[in-house]
Amino acid sequence: MSPKRNEPDWLTPEQQRAWLAYIRVQLRLRYEMNRQLQADSDISLADYDVLTALSVAPEGRLQMTALANHIGWERTRTSHHARRMESRGLLRLRQSTVDRRAIEVSLSDEGRALLADAAPGHVKLVKDLFFAGLSEDLLPSLTEAMEGVYSTLLARGTLPPPPL
């Protein structure tokens, strides 16, 4: 039975349970990751997201718009955050040699070293808080489900897909 005109198409009870579980996990996990990174490495989760994206980019650099697409932020937020990180010596911002209108963002030596120092504690937290509550036999199903959701986000979402 399809919804009547102007009547919301509500989630099924099963969908609502799954959605609320995801929201609770996502919010709590982001809080815990941010807290751990700040306590152990004096960086935010947002800093870590930028450093990680650049560390896996070809030659350790991306144009600002590509970086924004990669981490799922608006370009202006990415630009402001990258400038703050540059002022702390973690990034380098330069005019692109390919497109003179674009800014390229790259890791500085200090940013690369900070990421290397922060990564082991971050990985330990992810293992302790995320994977410890997940049985090995559920891991393939969770991976497949998350990859399916991500694929739909790329296909139907408004943010362009990441360049990598």
Foldseek 3Di string as FASTA:
>chain_A
DDDDPPDDPDDDPVRVVVVVVVVVCVVVVQVVLQVQCCVQQVDGVVLLLLLVVQVPDVVSKDWLLLSCQASVHDSVVSVVVLVVCVVVVQWDWDQDPVDNVIIMIGGGPVNNVSNVRRVVSSVVSCCVRPVVVPDPVCVVVVVVVVVVVVVVCCVPPDRHHRPD
